[in-house]
Amino acid sequence: MPMEVFDPEEFIRISERALYCLVKRSGDIVKLKLRTPSRLYTLKVKPEEAEDIIRRLRCEVTEAR
């Protein structure tokens, strides 16, 4: 089961051990998904906040279609 994270700082810490991050943009919300070896973590943010968070991630970032 995926686990939703509500704190962007915690999400960035989790990215240190993530394999990759998937960015899914849909209208007025951006969903970031971190895949770690054991779990999938998600974070929903506004598009303005997403760009700042994506720059700070410590793993490979891929845009979803």
PDB file of N, CA and C in Angstrom:
ATOM      1  N   MET A   1       0.832  -1.191   0.000  1.00  0.00           N
ATOM      2  CA  MET A   1       0.000   0.000   0.000  1.00  0.00           C
ATOM      3  C   MET A   1       0.876   1.254   0.000  1.00  0.00           C
ATOM      4  N   PRO A   2       0.519   2.234  -0.811  1.00  0.00           N
ATOM      5  CA  PRO A   2       1.257   3.496  -0.786  1.00  0.00           C
ATOM      6  C   PRO A   2       1.021   4.230   0.534  1.00  0.00           C
ATOM      7  N   MET A   3       1.974   5.039   0.903  1.00  0.00           N
ATOM      8  CA  MET A   3       1.859   5.818   2.140  1.00  0.00           C
ATOM      9  C   MET A   3       1.935   7.299   1.766  1.00  0.00           C
ATOM     10  N   GLU A   4       0.918   8.065   2.169  1.00  0.00           N
ATOM     11  CA  GLU A   4       0.920   9.490   1.865  1.00  0.00           C
ATOM     12  C   GLU A   4       1.677  10.255   2.936  1.00  0.00           C
ATOM     13  N   VAL A   5       2.556  11.147   2.474  1.00  0.00           N
ATOM     14  CA  VAL A   5       3.344  12.006   3.355  1.00  0.00           C
ATOM     15  C   VAL A   5       2.766  13.406   3.225  1.00  0.00           C
ATOM     16  N   PHE A   6       2.635  14.108   4.346  1.00  0.00           N
ATOM     17  CA  PHE A   6       2.037  15.447   4.323  1.00  0.00           C
ATOM     18  C   PHE A   6       3.071  16.551   4.557  1.00  0.00           C
ATOM     19  N   ASP A   7       4.284  16.194   4.975  1.00  0.00           N
ATOM     20  CA  ASP A   7       5.335  17.170   5.257  1.00  0.00           C
ATOM     21  C   ASP A   7       6.387  17.131   4.143  1.00  0.00           C
ATOM     22  N   PRO A   8       6.558  18.229   3.397  1.00  0.00           N
ATOM     23  CA  PRO A   8       7.555  18.241   2.316  1.00  0.00           C
ATOM     24  C   PRO A   8       8.977  17.957   2.795  1.00  0.00           C
ATOM     25  N   GLU A   9       9.336  18.416   3.982  1.00  0.00           N
ATOM     26  CA  GLU A   9      10.693  18.162   4.495  1.00  0.00           C
ATOM     27  C   GLU A   9      10.926  16.668   4.722  1.00  0.00           C
ATOM     28  N   GLU A  10       9.941  15.980   5.241  1.00  0.00           N
ATOM     29  CA  GLU A  10      10.049  14.535   5.436  1.00  0.00           C
ATOM     30  C   GLU A  10      10.155  13.832   4.082  1.00  0.00           C
ATOM     31  N   PHE A  11       9.410  14.304   3.097  1.00  0.00           N
ATOM     32  CA  PHE A  11       9.456  13.732   1.756  1.00  0.00           C
ATOM     33  C   PHE A  11      10.858  13.853   1.167  1.00  0.00           C
ATOM     34  N   ILE A  12      11.493  14.991   1.371  1.00  0.00           N
ATOM     35  CA  ILE A  12      12.851  15.212   0.870  1.00  0.00           C
ATOM     36  C   ILE A  12      13.837  14.284   1.573  1.00  0.00           C
ATOM     37  N   ARG A  13      13.652  14.063   2.878  1.00  0.00           N
ATOM     38  CA  ARG A  13      14.516  13.122   3.608  1.00  0.00           C
ATOM     39  C   ARG A  13      14.359  11.702   3.078  1.00  0.00           C
ATOM     40  N   ILE A  14      13.142  11.309   2.772  1.00  0.00           N
ATOM     41  CA  ILE A  14      12.893   9.967   2.240  1.00  0.00           C
ATOM     42  C   ILE A  14      13.561   9.807   0.870  1.00  0.00           C
ATOM     43  N   SER A  15      13.662  10.884   0.111  1.00  0.00           N
ATOM     44  CA  SER A  15      14.244  10.808  -1.234  1.00  0.00           C
ATOM     45  C   SER A  15      15.708  10.370  -1.215  1.00  0.00           C
ATOM     46  N   GLU A  16      16.378  10.484  -0.086  1.00  0.00           N
ATOM     47  CA  GLU A  16      17.775  10.040   0.008  1.00  0.00           C
ATOM     48  C   GLU A  16      17.900   8.545  -0.233  1.00  0.00           C
ATOM     49  N   ARG A  17      16.888   7.771   0.137  1.00  0.00           N
ATOM     50  CA  ARG A  17      16.958   6.318  -0.044  1.00  0.00           C
ATOM     51  C   ARG A  17      16.045   5.812  -1.156  1.00  0.00           C
ATOM     52  N   ALA A  18      15.446   6.743  -1.919  1.00  0.00           N
ATOM     53  CA  ALA A  18      14.525   6.373  -2.996  1.00  0.00           C
ATOM     54  C   ALA A  18      15.285   5.986  -4.263  1.00  0.00           C
ATOM     55  N   LEU A  19      14.665   5.128  -5.048  1.00  0.00           N
ATOM     56  CA  LEU A  19      15.229   4.725  -6.330  1.00  0.00           C
ATOM     57  C   LEU A  19      14.947   5.785  -7.390  1.00  0.00           C
ATOM     58  N   TYR A  20      13.733   6.344  -7.364  1.00  0.00           N
ATOM     59  CA  TYR A  20      13.357   7.393  -8.305  1.00  0.00           C
ATOM     60  C   TYR A  20      12.122   8.127  -7.793  1.00  0.00           C
ATOM     61  N   CYS A  21      11.839   9.271  -8.429  1.00  0.00           N
ATOM     62  CA  CYS A  21      10.637  10.053  -8.124  1.00  0.00           C
ATOM     63  C   CYS A  21       9.867  10.250  -9.419  1.00  0.00           C
ATOM     64  N   LEU A  22       8.574   9.996  -9.369  1.00  0.00           N
ATOM     65  CA  LEU A  22       7.696  10.184 -10.505  1.00  0.00           C
ATOM     66  C   LEU A  22       6.839  11.423 -10.242  1.00  0.00           C
ATOM     67  N   VAL A  23       6.776  12.336 -11.208  1.00  0.00           N
ATOM     68  CA  VAL A  23       6.014  13.580 -11.074  1.00  0.00           C
ATOM     69  C   VAL A  23       4.792  13.488 -11.971  1.00  0.00           C
ATOM     70  N   LYS A  24       3.619  13.557 -11.373  1.00  0.00           N
ATOM     71  CA  LYS A  24       2.358  13.477 -12.123  1.00  0.00           C
ATOM     72  C   LYS A  24       1.627  14.808 -11.954  1.00  0.00           C
ATOM     73  N   ARG A  25       1.485  15.550 -13.059  1.00  0.00           N
ATOM     74  CA  ARG A  25       0.823  16.861 -13.029  1.00  0.00           C
ATOM     75  C   ARG A  25      -0.604  16.710 -13.557  1.00  0.00           C
ATOM     76  N   SER A  26      -1.567  17.188 -12.768  1.00  0.00           N
ATOM     77  CA  SER A  26      -2.964  17.127 -13.226  1.00  0.00           C
ATOM     78  C   SER A  26      -3.709  18.367 -12.726  1.00  0.00           C
ATOM     79  N   GLY A  27      -3.806  19.341 -13.600  1.00  0.00           N
ATOM     80  CA  GLY A  27      -4.552  20.557 -13.277  1.00  0.00           C
ATOM     81  C   GLY A  27      -3.915  21.380 -12.176  1.00  0.00           C
ATOM     82  N   ASP A  28      -4.630  21.546 -11.087  1.00  0.00           N
ATOM     83  CA  ASP A  28      -4.170  22.414 -10.007  1.00  0.00           C
ATOM     84  C   ASP A  28      -3.440  21.652  -8.901  1.00  0.00           C
ATOM     85  N   ILE A  29      -3.037  20.404  -9.159  1.00  0.00           N
ATOM     86  CA  ILE A  29      -2.304  19.642  -8.149  1.00  0.00           C
ATOM     87  C   ILE A  29      -1.181  18.854  -8.829  1.00  0.00           C
ATOM     88  N   VAL A  30      -0.074  18.699  -8.103  1.00  0.00           N
ATOM     89  CA  VAL A  30       1.051  17.891  -8.571  1.00  0.00           C
ATOM     90  C   VAL A  30       1.251  16.781  -7.556  1.00  0.00           C
ATOM     91  N   LYS A  31       1.300  15.562  -8.049  1.00  0.00           N
ATOM     92  CA  LYS A  31       1.511  14.416  -7.166  1.00  0.00           C
ATOM     93  C   LYS A  31       2.928  13.911  -7.384  1.00  0.00           C
ATOM     94  N   LEU A  32       3.699  13.861  -6.318  1.00  0.00           N
ATOM     95  CA  LEU A  32       5.064  13.346  -6.356  1.00  0.00           C
ATOM     96  C   LEU A  32       5.059  11.956  -5.735  1.00  0.00           C
ATOM     97  N   LYS A  33       5.692  11.006  -6.413  1.00  0.00           N
ATOM     98  CA  LYS A  33       5.710   9.625  -5.936  1.00  0.00           C
ATOM     99  C   LYS A  33       7.154   9.163  -5.820  1.00  0.00           C
ATOM    100  N   LEU A  34       7.544   8.773  -4.626  1.00  0.00           N
ATOM    101  CA  LEU A  34       8.890   8.244  -4.379  1.00  0.00           C
ATOM    102  C   LEU A  34       8.825   6.734  -4.257  1.00  0.00           C
ATOM    103  N   ARG A  35       9.645   6.029  -5.027  1.00  0.00           N
ATOM    104  CA  ARG A  35       9.710   4.578  -4.922  1.00  0.00           C
ATOM    105  C   ARG A  35      10.979   4.214  -4.152  1.00  0.00           C
ATOM    106  N   THR A  36      10.796   3.612  -2.981  1.00  0.00           N
ATOM    107  CA  THR A  36      11.909   3.071  -2.204  1.00  0.00           C
ATOM    108  C   THR A  36      11.881   1.554  -2.379  1.00  0.00           C
ATOM    109  N   PRO A  37      12.899   0.852  -1.951  1.00  0.00           N
ATOM    110  CA  PRO A  37      12.890  -0.610  -2.102  1.00  0.00           C
ATOM    111  C   PRO A  37      11.691  -1.288  -1.428  1.00  0.00           C
ATOM    112  N   SER A  38      11.159  -0.692  -0.377  1.00  0.00           N
ATOM    113  CA  SER A  38      10.087  -1.362   0.349  1.00  0.00           C
ATOM    114  C   SER A  38       8.700  -0.723   0.200  1.00  0.00           C
ATOM    115  N   ARG A  39       8.613   0.533  -0.212  1.00  0.00           N
ATOM    116  CA  ARG A  39       7.321   1.219  -0.182  1.00  0.00           C
ATOM    117  C   ARG A  39       7.269   2.346  -1.207  1.00  0.00           C
ATOM    118  N   LEU A  40       6.045   2.751  -1.553  1.00  0.00           N
ATOM    119  CA  LEU A  40       5.798   3.906  -2.404  1.00  0.00           C
ATOM    120  C   LEU A  40       5.259   5.031  -1.524  1.00  0.00           C
ATOM    121  N   TYR A  41       5.879   6.208  -1.603  1.00  0.00           N
ATOM    122  CA  TYR A  41       5.444   7.368  -0.828  1.00  0.00           C
ATOM    123  C   TYR A  41       4.903   8.415  -1.787  1.00  0.00           C
ATOM    124  N   THR A  42       3.802   9.066  -1.415  1.00  0.00           N
ATOM    125  CA  THR A  42       3.219  10.102  -2.261  1.00  0.00           C
ATOM    126  C   THR A  42       3.089  11.412  -1.491  1.00  0.00           C
ATOM    127  N   LEU A  43       3.149  12.508  -2.237  1.00  0.00           N
ATOM    128  CA  LEU A  43       2.973  13.846  -1.673  1.00  0.00           C
ATOM    129  C   LEU A  43       2.196  14.666  -2.694  1.00  0.00           C
ATOM    130  N   LYS A  44       1.106  15.299  -2.264  1.00  0.00           N
ATOM    131  CA  LYS A  44       0.309  16.161  -3.137  1.00  0.00           C
ATOM    132  C   LYS A  44       0.577  17.612  -2.768  1.00  0.00           C
ATOM    133  N   VAL A  45       0.962  18.410  -3.761  1.00  0.00           N
ATOM    134  CA  VAL A  45       1.267  19.823  -3.523  1.00  0.00           C
ATOM    135  C   VAL A  45       0.742  20.671  -4.673  1.00  0.00           C
ATOM    136  N   LYS A  46       0.755  21.983  -4.464  1.00  0.00           N
ATOM    137  CA  LYS A  46       0.391  22.933  -5.508  1.00  0.00           C
ATOM    138  C   LYS A  46       1.564  23.057  -6.484  1.00  0.00           C
ATOM    139  N   PRO A  47       1.289  23.413  -7.742  1.00  0.00           N
ATOM    140  CA  PRO A  47       2.361  23.505  -8.742  1.00  0.00           C
ATOM    141  C   PRO A  47       3.502  24.454  -8.349  1.00  0.00           C
ATOM    142  N   GLU A  48       3.198  25.554  -7.650  1.00  0.00           N
ATOM    143  CA  GLU A  48       4.253  26.499  -7.251  1.00  0.00           C
ATOM    144  C   GLU A  48       5.219  25.851  -6.263  1.00  0.00           C
ATOM    145  N   GLU A  49       4.698  25.064  -5.337  1.00  0.00           N
ATOM    146  CA  GLU A  49       5.537  24.404  -4.336  1.00  0.00           C
ATOM    147  C   GLU A  49       6.313  23.237  -4.938  1.00  0.00           C
ATOM    148  N   ALA A  50       5.738  22.601  -5.949  1.00  0.00           N
ATOM    149  CA  ALA A  50       6.336  21.392  -6.518  1.00  0.00           C
ATOM    150  C   ALA A  50       7.719  21.651  -7.103  1.00  0.00           C
ATOM    151  N   GLU A  51       7.890  22.750  -7.815  1.00  0.00           N
ATOM    152  CA  GLU A  51       9.179  23.028  -8.452  1.00  0.00           C
ATOM    153  C   GLU A  51      10.298  23.146  -7.426  1.00  0.00           C
ATOM    154  N   ASP A  52      10.026  23.793  -6.298  1.00  0.00           N
ATOM    155  CA  ASP A  52      11.023  23.929  -5.237  1.00  0.00           C
ATOM    156  C   ASP A  52      11.378  22.568  -4.646  1.00  0.00           C
ATOM    157  N   ILE A  53      10.376  21.743  -4.413  1.00  0.00           N
ATOM    158  CA  ILE A  53      10.610  20.418  -3.832  1.00  0.00           C
ATOM    159  C   ILE A  53      11.390  19.541  -4.810  1.00  0.00           C
ATOM    160  N   ILE A  54      11.029  19.579  -6.094  1.00  0.00           N
ATOM    161  CA  ILE A  54      11.699  18.751  -7.098  1.00  0.00           C
ATOM    162  C   ILE A  54      13.176  19.094  -7.181  1.00  0.00           C
ATOM    163  N   ARG A  55      13.515  20.372  -7.096  1.00  0.00           N
ATOM    164  CA  ARG A  55      14.929  20.782  -7.132  1.00  0.00           C
ATOM    165  C   ARG A  55      15.722  20.227  -5.964  1.00  0.00           C
ATOM    166  N   ARG A  56      15.061  19.996  -4.830  1.00  0.00           N
ATOM    167  CA  ARG A  56      15.758  19.552  -3.624  1.00  0.00           C
ATOM    168  C   ARG A  56      15.810  18.035  -3.469  1.00  0.00           C
ATOM    169  N   LEU A  57      15.131  17.295  -4.332  1.00  0.00           N
ATOM    170  CA  LEU A  57      15.123  15.832  -4.214  1.00  0.00           C
ATOM    171  C   LEU A  57      16.501  15.268  -4.521  1.00  0.00           C
ATOM    172  N   ARG A  58      16.825  14.146  -3.886  1.00  0.00           N
ATOM    173  CA  ARG A  58      18.148  13.541  -4.020  1.00  0.00           C
ATOM    174  C   ARG A  58      18.084  12.200  -4.756  1.00  0.00           C
ATOM    175  N   CYS A  59      17.207  12.137  -5.756  1.00  0.00           N
ATOM    176  CA  CYS A  59      17.101  10.918  -6.551  1.00  0.00           C
ATOM    177  C   CYS A  59      16.726  11.301  -7.978  1.00  0.00           C
ATOM    178  N   GLU A  60      16.680  10.328  -8.853  1.00  0.00           N
ATOM    179  CA  GLU A  60      16.306  10.569 -10.240  1.00  0.00           C
ATOM    180  C   GLU A  60      14.843  10.996 -10.325  1.00  0.00           C
ATOM    181  N   VAL A  61      14.561  12.045 -11.093  1.00  0.00           N
ATOM    182  CA  VAL A  61      13.194  12.565 -11.232  1.00  0.00           C
ATOM    183  C   VAL A  61      12.711  12.325 -12.658  1.00  0.00           C
ATOM    184  N   THR A  62      11.512  11.732 -12.783  1.00  0.00           N
ATOM    185  CA  THR A  62      10.922  11.433 -14.096  1.00  0.00           C
ATOM    186  C   THR A  62       9.529  12.050 -14.164  1.00  0.00           C
ATOM    187  N   GLU A  63       9.228  12.702 -15.270  1.00  0.00           N
ATOM    188  CA  GLU A  63       7.895  13.272 -15.489  1.00  0.00           C
ATOM    189  C   GLU A  63       6.981  12.198 -16.066  1.00  0.00           C
ATOM    190  N   ALA A  64       5.800  12.019 -15.488  1.00  0.00           N
ATOM    191  CA  ALA A  64       4.814  11.077 -16.022  1.00  0.00           C
ATOM    192  C   ALA A  64       4.066  11.721 -17.178  1.00  0.00           C
ATOM    193  N   ARG A  65       3.606  10.918 -18.083  1.00  0.00           N
ATOM    194  CA  ARG A  65       2.859  11.443 -19.229  1.00  0.00           C
ATOM    195  C   ARG A  65       1.417  11.598 -18.901  1.00  0.00           C
TER     196      ARG A  65
END
